[in-house]
Amino acid sequence: MNDVEEGYSWCAPELSNDLSCRDALARVWPLLSPRVRTIRQPELDGIDDRYRRATIPWPGRPEQGARWWTWRVPRILEVEASEQRDPDWPLGWEMMPFPRPASVAVVTYP
């Protein structure tokens, strides 16, 4: 979570891979007892809220529903200065099916 909040420095496929743990949690959540879900729901909601604040939704995708976390992009993408060749998406994100929103900042580091 901190990587996304402070600036995600990996490519889009890596973000998808990193989110596999949230996918797994979504699959097992219904299998947990109601008591455990009740106790843990505030913690999950807090983590999800942090993720929502650190990301923006894909244009045209619903912000709720199944696997909503997969349809979001970090607000801050960190890239090495030598890798930022395009004024739009940085290297590793160019496969995104929409132009980079103005609310997604690309920050370079030496």
PDB file of N, CA and C in Angstrom:
ATOM      1  N   MET A   1       0.818  -1.191   0.000  1.00  0.00           N
ATOM      2  CA  MET A   1       0.000   0.000   0.000  1.00  0.00           C
ATOM      3  C   MET A   1       0.861   1.253   0.000  1.00  0.00           C
ATOM      4  N   ASN A   2       1.917   1.240   0.782  1.00  0.00           N
ATOM      5  CA  ASN A   2       2.778   2.422   0.836  1.00  0.00           C
ATOM      6  C   ASN A   2       3.361   2.747  -0.525  1.00  0.00           C
ATOM      7  N   ASP A   3       3.700   1.716  -1.309  1.00  0.00           N
ATOM      8  CA  ASP A   3       4.253   1.954  -2.648  1.00  0.00           C
ATOM      9  C   ASP A   3       3.274   2.723  -3.519  1.00  0.00           C
ATOM     10  N   VAL A   4       2.018   2.411  -3.413  1.00  0.00           N
ATOM     11  CA  VAL A   4       1.014   3.101  -4.215  1.00  0.00           C
ATOM     12  C   VAL A   4       0.805   4.513  -3.686  1.00  0.00           C
ATOM     13  N   GLU A   5       0.781   4.686  -2.396  1.00  0.00           N
ATOM     14  CA  GLU A   5       0.555   6.009  -1.812  1.00  0.00           C
ATOM     15  C   GLU A   5       1.720   6.960  -2.079  1.00  0.00           C
ATOM     16  N   GLU A   6       2.927   6.473  -1.975  1.00  0.00           N
ATOM     17  CA  GLU A   6       4.113   7.332  -2.099  1.00  0.00           C
ATOM     18  C   GLU A   6       4.565   7.514  -3.532  1.00  0.00           C
ATOM     19  N   GLY A   7       4.136   6.656  -4.427  1.00  0.00           N
ATOM     20  CA  GLY A   7       4.537   6.717  -5.823  1.00  0.00           C
ATOM     21  C   GLY A   7       4.901   5.325  -6.299  1.00  0.00           C
ATOM     22  N   TYR A   8       4.113   4.802  -7.216  1.00  0.00           N
ATOM     23  CA  TYR A   8       4.315   3.432  -7.689  1.00  0.00           C
ATOM     24  C   TYR A   8       5.405   3.435  -8.755  1.00  0.00           C
ATOM     25  N   SER A   9       6.450   2.651  -8.530  1.00  0.00           N
ATOM     26  CA  SER A   9       7.601   2.687  -9.442  1.00  0.00           C
ATOM     27  C   SER A   9       7.709   1.445 -10.321  1.00  0.00           C
ATOM     28  N   TRP A  10       6.666   0.640 -10.363  1.00  0.00           N
ATOM     29  CA  TRP A  10       6.656  -0.541 -11.218  1.00  0.00           C
ATOM     30  C   TRP A  10       5.714  -0.305 -12.385  1.00  0.00           C
ATOM     31  N   CYS A  11       5.674  -1.239 -13.307  1.00  0.00           N
ATOM     32  CA  CYS A  11       4.832  -1.108 -14.501  1.00  0.00           C
ATOM     33  C   CYS A  11       3.402  -1.584 -14.232  1.00  0.00           C
ATOM     34  N   ALA A  12       2.528  -1.347 -15.194  1.00  0.00           N
ATOM     35  CA  ALA A  12       1.118  -1.724 -15.058  1.00  0.00           C
ATOM     36  C   ALA A  12       0.929  -3.226 -14.830  1.00  0.00           C
ATOM     37  N   PRO A  13       1.636  -4.104 -15.566  1.00  0.00           N
ATOM     38  CA  PRO A  13       1.461  -5.533 -15.283  1.00  0.00           C
ATOM     39  C   PRO A  13       1.882  -5.908 -13.856  1.00  0.00           C
ATOM     40  N   GLU A  14       2.873  -5.231 -13.306  1.00  0.00           N
ATOM     41  CA  GLU A  14       3.282  -5.509 -11.923  1.00  0.00           C
ATOM     42  C   GLU A  14       2.198  -5.082 -10.931  1.00  0.00           C
ATOM     43  N   LEU A  15       1.536  -3.972 -11.220  1.00  0.00           N
ATOM     44  CA  LEU A  15       0.442  -3.560 -10.338  1.00  0.00           C
ATOM     45  C   LEU A  15      -0.639  -4.631 -10.333  1.00  0.00           C
ATOM     46  N   SER A  16      -0.955  -5.139 -11.510  1.00  0.00           N
ATOM     47  CA  SER A  16      -1.936  -6.210 -11.598  1.00  0.00           C
ATOM     48  C   SER A  16      -1.502  -7.406 -10.761  1.00  0.00           C
ATOM     49  N   ASN A  17      -0.234  -7.761 -10.840  1.00  0.00           N
ATOM     50  CA  ASN A  17       0.307  -8.857 -10.048  1.00  0.00           C
ATOM     51  C   ASN A  17       0.219  -8.541  -8.546  1.00  0.00           C
ATOM     52  N   ASP A  18       0.573  -7.316  -8.185  1.00  0.00           N
ATOM     53  CA  ASP A  18       0.528  -6.918  -6.775  1.00  0.00           C
ATOM     54  C   ASP A  18      -0.895  -6.984  -6.208  1.00  0.00           C
ATOM     55  N   LEU A  19      -1.871  -6.771  -7.053  1.00  0.00           N
ATOM     56  CA  LEU A  19      -3.262  -6.788  -6.596  1.00  0.00           C
ATOM     57  C   LEU A  19      -3.829  -8.197  -6.462  1.00  0.00           C
ATOM     58  N   SER A  20      -3.047  -9.198  -6.817  1.00  0.00           N
ATOM     59  CA  SER A  20      -3.539 -10.576  -6.710  1.00  0.00           C
ATOM     60  C   SER A  20      -3.874 -10.939  -5.262  1.00  0.00           C
ATOM     61  N   CYS A  21      -3.186 -10.321  -4.294  1.00  0.00           N
ATOM     62  CA  CYS A  21      -3.510 -10.603  -2.892  1.00  0.00           C
ATOM     63  C   CYS A  21      -4.900 -10.077  -2.547  1.00  0.00           C
ATOM     64  N   ARG A  22      -5.294  -8.948  -3.126  1.00  0.00           N
ATOM     65  CA  ARG A  22      -6.655  -8.419  -2.876  1.00  0.00           C
ATOM     66  C   ARG A  22      -7.686  -9.310  -3.549  1.00  0.00           C
ATOM     67  N   ASP A  23      -7.345  -9.853  -4.724  1.00  0.00           N
ATOM     68  CA  ASP A  23      -8.234 -10.813  -5.387  1.00  0.00           C
ATOM     69  C   ASP A  23      -8.442 -12.040  -4.507  1.00  0.00           C
ATOM     70  N   ALA A  24      -7.344 -12.555  -3.950  1.00  0.00           N
ATOM     71  CA  ALA A  24      -7.435 -13.739  -3.088  1.00  0.00           C
ATOM     72  C   ALA A  24      -8.300 -13.453  -1.860  1.00  0.00           C
ATOM     73  N   LEU A  25      -8.118 -12.279  -1.274  1.00  0.00           N
ATOM     74  CA  LEU A  25      -8.922 -11.916  -0.108  1.00  0.00           C
ATOM     75  C   LEU A  25     -10.407 -11.865  -0.473  1.00  0.00           C
ATOM     76  N   ALA A  26     -10.718 -11.326  -1.637  1.00  0.00           N
ATOM     77  CA  ALA A  26     -12.114 -11.256  -2.073  1.00  0.00           C
ATOM     78  C   ALA A  26     -12.708 -12.655  -2.254  1.00  0.00           C
ATOM     79  N   ARG A  27     -11.892 -13.590  -2.705  1.00  0.00           N
ATOM     80  CA  ARG A  27     -12.380 -14.962  -2.886  1.00  0.00           C
ATOM     81  C   ARG A  27     -12.654 -15.660  -1.553  1.00  0.00           C
ATOM     82  N   VAL A  28     -11.804 -15.430  -0.554  1.00  0.00           N
ATOM     83  CA  VAL A  28     -11.974 -16.145   0.720  1.00  0.00           C
ATOM     84  C   VAL A  28     -12.882 -15.410   1.693  1.00  0.00           C
ATOM     85  N   TRP A  29     -13.098 -14.121   1.505  1.00  0.00           N
ATOM     86  CA  TRP A  29     -13.900 -13.329   2.439  1.00  0.00           C
ATOM     87  C   TRP A  29     -15.257 -13.972   2.730  1.00  0.00           C
ATOM     88  N   PRO A  30     -15.998 -14.400   1.708  1.00  0.00           N
ATOM     89  CA  PRO A  30     -17.304 -15.007   1.987  1.00  0.00           C
ATOM     90  C   PRO A  30     -17.212 -16.328   2.752  1.00  0.00           C
ATOM     91  N   LEU A  31     -16.057 -16.958   2.744  1.00  0.00           N
ATOM     92  CA  LEU A  31     -15.881 -18.231   3.440  1.00  0.00           C
ATOM     93  C   LEU A  31     -15.605 -18.047   4.933  1.00  0.00           C
ATOM     94  N   LEU A  32     -15.240 -16.834   5.318  1.00  0.00           N
ATOM     95  CA  LEU A  32     -14.976 -16.550   6.727  1.00  0.00           C
ATOM     96  C   LEU A  32     -16.288 -16.505   7.506  1.00  0.00           C
ATOM     97  N   SER A  33     -16.192 -16.778   8.766  1.00  0.00           N
ATOM     98  CA  SER A  33     -17.409 -16.738   9.596  1.00  0.00           C
ATOM     99  C   SER A  33     -17.905 -15.294   9.690  1.00  0.00           C
ATOM    100  N   PRO A  34     -19.198 -15.122   9.890  1.00  0.00           N
ATOM    101  CA  PRO A  34     -19.737 -13.763  10.049  1.00  0.00           C
ATOM    102  C   PRO A  34     -19.053 -13.000  11.179  1.00  0.00           C
ATOM    103  N   ARG A  35     -18.712 -13.685  12.237  1.00  0.00           N
ATOM    104  CA  ARG A  35     -18.038 -13.030  13.370  1.00  0.00           C
ATOM    105  C   ARG A  35     -16.688 -12.472  12.949  1.00  0.00           C
ATOM    106  N   VAL A  36     -15.899 -13.269  12.232  1.00  0.00           N
ATOM    107  CA  VAL A  36     -14.575 -12.816  11.785  1.00  0.00           C
ATOM    108  C   VAL A  36     -14.728 -11.666  10.796  1.00  0.00           C
ATOM    109  N   ARG A  37     -15.672 -11.781   9.864  1.00  0.00           N
ATOM    110  CA  ARG A  37     -15.880 -10.687   8.900  1.00  0.00           C
ATOM    111  C   ARG A  37     -16.268  -9.400   9.631  1.00  0.00           C
ATOM    112  N   THR A  38     -17.130  -9.493  10.616  1.00  0.00           N
ATOM    113  CA  THR A  38     -17.554  -8.309  11.380  1.00  0.00           C
ATOM    114  C   THR A  38     -16.368  -7.667  12.093  1.00  0.00           C
ATOM    115  N   ILE A  39     -15.527  -8.485  12.678  1.00  0.00           N
ATOM    116  CA  ILE A  39     -14.360  -7.963  13.393  1.00  0.00           C
ATOM    117  C   ILE A  39     -13.364  -7.331  12.445  1.00  0.00           C
ATOM    118  N   ARG A  40     -13.148  -7.947  11.289  1.00  0.00           N
ATOM    119  CA  ARG A  40     -12.109  -7.494  10.350  1.00  0.00           C
ATOM    120  C   ARG A  40     -12.586  -6.481   9.312  1.00  0.00           C
ATOM    121  N   GLN A  41     -13.895  -6.306   9.149  1.00  0.00           N
ATOM    122  CA  GLN A  41     -14.405  -5.403   8.119  1.00  0.00           C
ATOM    123  C   GLN A  41     -13.874  -3.974   8.249  1.00  0.00           C
ATOM    124  N   PRO A  42     -13.819  -3.391   9.455  1.00  0.00           N
ATOM    125  CA  PRO A  42     -13.279  -2.028   9.543  1.00  0.00           C
ATOM    126  C   PRO A  42     -11.827  -1.930   9.049  1.00  0.00           C
ATOM    127  N   GLU A  43     -11.026  -2.950   9.321  1.00  0.00           N
ATOM    128  CA  GLU A  43      -9.639  -2.940   8.849  1.00  0.00           C
ATOM    129  C   GLU A  43      -9.584  -3.005   7.321  1.00  0.00           C
ATOM    130  N   LEU A  44     -10.376  -3.888   6.728  1.00  0.00           N
ATOM    131  CA  LEU A  44     -10.429  -3.990   5.266  1.00  0.00           C
ATOM    132  C   LEU A  44     -10.934  -2.695   4.652  1.00  0.00           C
ATOM    133  N   ASP A  45     -11.968  -2.118   5.233  1.00  0.00           N
ATOM    134  CA  ASP A  45     -12.504  -0.855   4.716  1.00  0.00           C
ATOM    135  C   ASP A  45     -11.455   0.250   4.766  1.00  0.00           C
ATOM    136  N   GLY A  46     -10.672   0.284   5.846  1.00  0.00           N
ATOM    137  CA  GLY A  46      -9.620   1.296   5.962  1.00  0.00           C
ATOM    138  C   GLY A  46      -8.554   1.144   4.889  1.00  0.00           C
ATOM    139  N   ILE A  47      -8.145  -0.080   4.628  1.00  0.00           N
ATOM    140  CA  ILE A  47      -7.132  -0.329   3.595  1.00  0.00           C
ATOM    141  C   ILE A  47      -7.694   0.009   2.214  1.00  0.00           C
ATOM    142  N   ASP A  48      -8.939  -0.401   1.961  1.00  0.00           N
ATOM    143  CA  ASP A  48      -9.568  -0.067   0.681  1.00  0.00           C
ATOM    144  C   ASP A  48      -9.697   1.441   0.508  1.00  0.00           C
ATOM    145  N   ASP A  49     -10.041   2.152   1.570  1.00  0.00           N
ATOM    146  CA  ASP A  49     -10.152   3.620   1.493  1.00  0.00           C
ATOM    147  C   ASP A  49      -8.796   4.251   1.168  1.00  0.00           C
ATOM    148  N   ARG A  50      -7.750   3.758   1.779  1.00  0.00           N
ATOM    149  CA  ARG A  50      -6.404   4.264   1.475  1.00  0.00           C
ATOM    150  C   ARG A  50      -6.070   4.040   0.001  1.00  0.00           C
ATOM    151  N   TYR A  51      -6.397   2.871  -0.503  1.00  0.00           N
ATOM    152  CA  TYR A  51      -6.129   2.554  -1.911  1.00  0.00           C
ATOM    153  C   TYR A  51      -6.938   3.471  -2.831  1.00  0.00           C
ATOM    154  N   ARG A  52      -8.187   3.705  -2.498  1.00  0.00           N
ATOM    155  CA  ARG A  52      -9.009   4.612  -3.320  1.00  0.00           C
ATOM    156  C   ARG A  52      -8.423   6.023  -3.339  1.00  0.00           C
ATOM    157  N   ARG A  53      -7.936   6.493  -2.187  1.00  0.00           N
ATOM    158  CA  ARG A  53      -7.352   7.846  -2.138  1.00  0.00           C
ATOM    159  C   ARG A  53      -6.048   7.934  -2.929  1.00  0.00           C
ATOM    160  N   ALA A  54      -5.310   6.847  -3.007  1.00  0.00           N
ATOM    161  CA  ALA A  54      -4.006   6.844  -3.687  1.00  0.00           C
ATOM    162  C   ALA A  54      -4.116   6.533  -5.174  1.00  0.00           C
ATOM    163  N   THR A  55      -5.326   6.266  -5.647  1.00  0.00           N
ATOM    164  CA  THR A  55      -5.531   5.892  -7.044  1.00  0.00           C
ATOM    165  C   THR A  55      -6.696   6.672  -7.632  1.00  0.00           C
ATOM    166  N   ILE A  56      -6.837   6.558  -8.943  1.00  0.00           N
ATOM    167  CA  ILE A  56      -8.005   7.133  -9.622  1.00  0.00           C
ATOM    168  C   ILE A  56      -8.679   6.019 -10.421  1.00  0.00           C
ATOM    169  N   PRO A  57      -9.981   6.120 -10.620  1.00  0.00           N
ATOM    170  CA  PRO A  57     -10.659   5.084 -11.410  1.00  0.00           C
ATOM    171  C   PRO A  57     -10.354   5.225 -12.897  1.00  0.00           C
ATOM    172  N   TRP A  58     -10.374   4.104 -13.587  1.00  0.00           N
ATOM    173  CA  TRP A  58     -10.270   4.131 -15.050  1.00  0.00           C
ATOM    174  C   TRP A  58     -11.466   4.900 -15.585  1.00  0.00           C
ATOM    175  N   PRO A  59     -11.262   5.704 -16.602  1.00  0.00           N
ATOM    176  CA  PRO A  59     -12.407   6.382 -17.222  1.00  0.00           C
ATOM    177  C   PRO A  59     -13.409   5.350 -17.749  1.00  0.00           C
ATOM    178  N   GLY A  60     -14.670   5.582 -17.459  1.00  0.00           N
ATOM    179  CA  GLY A  60     -15.726   4.722 -17.963  1.00  0.00           C
ATOM    180  C   GLY A  60     -15.944   3.433 -17.198  1.00  0.00           C
ATOM    181  N   ARG A  61     -15.183   3.200 -16.141  1.00  0.00           N
ATOM    182  CA  ARG A  61     -15.362   1.987 -15.340  1.00  0.00           C
ATOM    183  C   ARG A  61     -16.093   2.340 -14.045  1.00  0.00           C
ATOM    184  N   PRO A  62     -16.958   1.452 -13.581  1.00  0.00           N
ATOM    185  CA  PRO A  62     -17.644   1.731 -12.315  1.00  0.00           C
ATOM    186  C   PRO A  62     -16.663   1.717 -11.152  1.00  0.00           C
ATOM    187  N   GLU A  63     -16.924   2.549 -10.171  1.00  0.00           N
ATOM    188  CA  GLU A  63     -16.045   2.629  -9.007  1.00  0.00           C
ATOM    189  C   GLU A  63     -16.404   1.608  -7.940  1.00  0.00           C
ATOM    190  N   GLN A  64     -17.468   0.890  -8.126  1.00  0.00           N
ATOM    191  CA  GLN A  64     -17.902  -0.148  -7.185  1.00  0.00           C
ATOM    192  C   GLN A  64     -18.060  -1.450  -7.954  1.00  0.00           C
ATOM    193  N   GLY A  65     -18.333  -2.510  -7.235  1.00  0.00           N
ATOM    194  CA  GLY A  65     -18.605  -3.785  -7.874  1.00  0.00           C
ATOM    195  C   GLY A  65     -17.447  -4.751  -7.739  1.00  0.00           C
ATOM    196  N   ALA A  66     -17.615  -5.886  -8.369  1.00  0.00           N
ATOM    197  CA  ALA A  66     -16.617  -6.954  -8.287  1.00  0.00           C
ATOM    198  C   ALA A  66     -15.265  -6.487  -8.816  1.00  0.00           C
ATOM    199  N   ARG A  67     -14.241  -6.755  -8.044  1.00  0.00           N
ATOM    200  CA  ARG A  67     -12.855  -6.450  -8.410  1.00  0.00           C
ATOM    201  C   ARG A  67     -12.643  -4.980  -8.804  1.00  0.00           C
ATOM    202  N   TRP A  68     -13.309  -4.073  -8.131  1.00  0.00           N
ATOM    203  CA  TRP A  68     -13.194  -2.639  -8.432  1.00  0.00           C
ATOM    204  C   TRP A  68     -11.757  -2.160  -8.365  1.00  0.00           C
ATOM    205  N   TRP A  69     -10.925  -2.765  -7.516  1.00  0.00           N
ATOM    206  CA  TRP A  69      -9.535  -2.338  -7.317  1.00  0.00           C
ATOM    207  C   TRP A  69      -8.683  -2.545  -8.563  1.00  0.00           C
ATOM    208  N   THR A  70      -9.095  -3.433  -9.462  1.00  0.00           N
ATOM    209  CA  THR A  70      -8.304  -3.682 -10.674  1.00  0.00           C
ATOM    210  C   THR A  70      -8.503  -2.589 -11.713  1.00  0.00           C
ATOM    211  N   TRP A  71      -9.525  -1.772 -11.542  1.00  0.00           N
ATOM    212  CA  TRP A  71      -9.831  -0.727 -12.517  1.00  0.00           C
ATOM    213  C   TRP A  71      -9.446   0.652 -11.995  1.00  0.00           C
ATOM    214  N   ARG A  72      -8.272   0.707 -11.362  1.00  0.00           N
ATOM    215  CA  ARG A  72      -7.766   1.965 -10.811  1.00  0.00           C
ATOM    216  C   ARG A  72      -6.294   2.108 -11.170  1.00  0.00           C
ATOM    217  N   VAL A  73      -5.815   3.342 -11.181  1.00  0.00           N
ATOM    218  CA  VAL A  73      -4.430   3.661 -11.528  1.00  0.00           C
ATOM    219  C   VAL A  73      -3.836   4.515 -10.408  1.00  0.00           C
ATOM    220  N   PRO A  74      -2.593   4.246 -10.003  1.00  0.00           N
ATOM    221  CA  PRO A  74      -1.975   5.091  -8.973  1.00  0.00           C
ATOM    222  C   PRO A  74      -1.938   6.562  -9.399  1.00  0.00           C
ATOM    223  N   ARG A  75      -2.151   7.446  -8.446  1.00  0.00           N
ATOM    224  CA  ARG A  75      -2.092   8.889  -8.718  1.00  0.00           C
ATOM    225  C   ARG A  75      -0.674   9.351  -9.013  1.00  0.00           C
ATOM    226  N   ILE A  76       0.319   8.648  -8.454  1.00  0.00           N
ATOM    227  CA  ILE A  76       1.725   9.016  -8.657  1.00  0.00           C
ATOM    228  C   ILE A  76       2.474   7.819  -9.211  1.00  0.00           C
ATOM    229  N   LEU A  77       3.066   8.005 -10.393  1.00  0.00           N
ATOM    230  CA  LEU A  77       3.908   6.985 -10.998  1.00  0.00           C
ATOM    231  C   LEU A  77       5.338   7.502 -10.993  1.00  0.00           C
ATOM    232  N   GLU A  78       6.227   6.750 -10.387  1.00  0.00           N
ATOM    233  CA  GLU A  78       7.642   7.121 -10.342  1.00  0.00           C
ATOM    234  C   GLU A  78       8.388   6.354 -11.421  1.00  0.00           C
ATOM    235  N   VAL A  79       9.207   7.069 -12.186  1.00  0.00           N
ATOM    236  CA  VAL A  79      10.010   6.434 -13.231  1.00  0.00           C
ATOM    237  C   VAL A  79      11.403   7.039 -13.223  1.00  0.00           C
ATOM    238  N   GLU A  80      12.355   6.258 -13.693  1.00  0.00           N
ATOM    239  CA  GLU A  80      13.701   6.803 -13.861  1.00  0.00           C
ATOM    240  C   GLU A  80      13.646   7.849 -14.967  1.00  0.00           C
ATOM    241  N   ALA A  81      14.389   8.914 -14.805  1.00  0.00           N
ATOM    242  CA  ALA A  81      14.384   9.999 -15.784  1.00  0.00           C
ATOM    243  C   ALA A  81      14.687   9.486 -17.186  1.00  0.00           C
ATOM    244  N   SER A  82      15.579   8.522 -17.309  1.00  0.00           N
ATOM    245  CA  SER A  82      15.949   8.003 -18.626  1.00  0.00           C
ATOM    246  C   SER A  82      14.824   7.202 -19.274  1.00  0.00           C
ATOM    247  N   GLU A  83      13.838   6.773 -18.498  1.00  0.00           N
ATOM    248  CA  GLU A  83      12.742   5.978 -19.040  1.00  0.00           C
ATOM    249  C   GLU A  83      11.534   6.810 -19.446  1.00  0.00           C
ATOM    250  N   GLN A  84      11.489   8.070 -19.077  1.00  0.00           N
ATOM    251  CA  GLN A  84      10.344   8.903 -19.424  1.00  0.00           C
ATOM    252  C   GLN A  84      10.585   9.512 -20.797  1.00  0.00           C
ATOM    253  N   ARG A  85      10.112   8.831 -21.821  1.00  0.00           N
ATOM    254  CA  ARG A  85      10.325   9.265 -23.202  1.00  0.00           C
ATOM    255  C   ARG A  85       9.090   9.912 -23.818  1.00  0.00           C
ATOM    256  N   ASP A  86       7.971   9.681 -23.218  1.00  0.00           N
ATOM    257  CA  ASP A  86       6.695  10.093 -23.784  1.00  0.00           C
ATOM    258  C   ASP A  86       6.014  11.052 -22.807  1.00  0.00           C
ATOM    259  N   PRO A  87       5.391  12.102 -23.295  1.00  0.00           N
ATOM    260  CA  PRO A  87       4.704  13.008 -22.365  1.00  0.00           C
ATOM    261  C   PRO A  87       3.419  12.401 -21.792  1.00  0.00           C
ATOM    262  N   ASP A  88       3.007  11.274 -22.313  1.00  0.00           N
ATOM    263  CA  ASP A  88       1.775  10.645 -21.832  1.00  0.00           C
ATOM    264  C   ASP A  88       2.114   9.604 -20.774  1.00  0.00           C
ATOM    265  N   TRP A  89       1.898   8.336 -21.021  1.00  0.00           N
ATOM    266  CA  TRP A  89       2.207   7.276 -20.062  1.00  0.00           C
ATOM    267  C   TRP A  89       3.689   6.973 -20.052  1.00  0.00           C
ATOM    268  N   PRO A  90       4.261   6.657 -18.895  1.00  0.00           N
ATOM    269  CA  PRO A  90       5.663   6.246 -18.858  1.00  0.00           C
ATOM    270  C   PRO A  90       5.825   4.809 -19.374  1.00  0.00           C
ATOM    271  N   LEU A  91       7.060   4.443 -19.606  1.00  0.00           N
ATOM    272  CA  LEU A  91       7.389   3.098 -20.049  1.00  0.00           C
ATOM    273  C   LEU A  91       6.790   2.088 -19.074  1.00  0.00           C
ATOM    274  N   GLY A  92       6.133   1.072 -19.602  1.00  0.00           N
ATOM    275  CA  GLY A  92       5.489   0.076 -18.769  1.00  0.00           C
ATOM    276  C   GLY A  92       4.021   0.358 -18.509  1.00  0.00           C
ATOM    277  N   TRP A  93       3.577   1.537 -18.897  1.00  0.00           N
ATOM    278  CA  TRP A  93       2.167   1.903 -18.734  1.00  0.00           C
ATOM    279  C   TRP A  93       1.518   2.261 -20.067  1.00  0.00           C
ATOM    280  N   GLU A  94       2.296   2.253 -21.128  1.00  0.00           N
ATOM    281  CA  GLU A  94       1.792   2.703 -22.426  1.00  0.00           C
ATOM    282  C   GLU A  94       0.685   1.814 -22.989  1.00  0.00           C
ATOM    283  N   MET A  95       0.474   0.637 -22.424  1.00  0.00           N
ATOM    284  CA  MET A  95      -0.596  -0.238 -22.893  1.00  0.00           C
ATOM    285  C   MET A  95      -1.968   0.157 -22.348  1.00  0.00           C
ATOM    286  N   MET A  96      -2.011   1.173 -21.509  1.00  0.00           N
ATOM    287  CA  MET A  96      -3.293   1.601 -20.961  1.00  0.00           C
ATOM    288  C   MET A  96      -4.204   2.029 -22.115  1.00  0.00           C
ATOM    289  N   PRO A  97      -5.477   1.659 -22.052  1.00  0.00           N
ATOM    290  CA  PRO A  97      -6.384   1.914 -23.177  1.00  0.00           C
ATOM    291  C   PRO A  97      -7.002   3.313 -23.203  1.00  0.00           C
ATOM    292  N   PHE A  98      -6.399   4.245 -22.487  1.00  0.00           N
ATOM    293  CA  PHE A  98      -6.896   5.613 -22.453  1.00  0.00           C
ATOM    294  C   PHE A  98      -5.713   6.540 -22.205  1.00  0.00           C
ATOM    295  N   PRO A  99      -5.808   7.802 -22.608  1.00  0.00           N
ATOM    296  CA  PRO A  99      -4.727   8.750 -22.340  1.00  0.00           C
ATOM    297  C   PRO A  99      -4.533   8.939 -20.832  1.00  0.00           C
ATOM    298  N   ARG A 100      -3.313   9.254 -20.450  1.00  0.00           N
ATOM    299  CA  ARG A 100      -3.029   9.476 -19.028  1.00  0.00           C
ATOM    300  C   ARG A 100      -3.842  10.668 -18.531  1.00  0.00           C
ATOM    301  N   PRO A 101      -4.662  10.443 -17.502  1.00  0.00           N
ATOM    302  CA  PRO A 101      -5.435  11.559 -16.933  1.00  0.00           C
ATOM    303  C   PRO A 101      -4.505  12.572 -16.278  1.00  0.00           C
ATOM    304  N   ALA A 102      -4.895  13.816 -16.273  1.00  0.00           N
ATOM    305  CA  ALA A 102      -4.100  14.877 -15.666  1.00  0.00           C
ATOM    306  C   ALA A 102      -3.883  14.630 -14.175  1.00  0.00           C
ATOM    307  N   SER A 103      -4.774  13.884 -13.550  1.00  0.00           N
ATOM    308  CA  SER A 103      -4.654  13.614 -12.121  1.00  0.00           C
ATOM    309  C   SER A 103      -3.632  12.515 -11.799  1.00  0.00           C
ATOM    310  N   VAL A 104      -3.034  11.922 -12.825  1.00  0.00           N
ATOM    311  CA  VAL A 104      -1.966  10.947 -12.625  1.00  0.00           C
ATOM    312  C   VAL A 104      -0.644  11.654 -12.909  1.00  0.00           C
ATOM    313  N   ALA A 105       0.137  11.848 -11.868  1.00  0.00           N
ATOM    314  CA  ALA A 105       1.422  12.548 -11.998  1.00  0.00           C
ATOM    315  C   ALA A 105       2.532  11.533 -12.282  1.00  0.00           C
ATOM    316  N   VAL A 106       3.397  11.893 -13.218  1.00  0.00           N
ATOM    317  CA  VAL A 106       4.585  11.085 -13.490  1.00  0.00           C
ATOM    318  C   VAL A 106       5.765  11.846 -12.904  1.00  0.00           C
ATOM    319  N   VAL A 107       6.401  11.229 -11.917  1.00  0.00           N
ATOM    320  CA  VAL A 107       7.519  11.843 -11.200  1.00  0.00           C
ATOM    321  C   VAL A 107       8.775  11.087 -11.578  1.00  0.00           C
ATOM    322  N   THR A 108       9.798  11.807 -11.996  1.00  0.00           N
ATOM    323  CA  THR A 108      11.053  11.151 -12.365  1.00  0.00           C
ATOM    324  C   THR A 108      12.061  11.276 -11.235  1.00  0.00           C
ATOM    325  N   TYR A 109      12.923  10.286 -11.175  1.00  0.00           N
ATOM    326  CA  TYR A 109      14.041  10.310 -10.220  1.00  0.00           C
ATOM    327  C   TYR A 109      15.290   9.954 -10.994  1.00  0.00           C
ATOM    328  N   PRO A 110      16.432  10.431 -10.515  1.00  0.00           N
ATOM    329  CA  PRO A 110      17.686  10.206 -11.265  1.00  0.00           C
ATOM    330  C   PRO A 110      18.071   8.747 -11.393  1.00  0.00           C
TER     331      PRO A 110
END
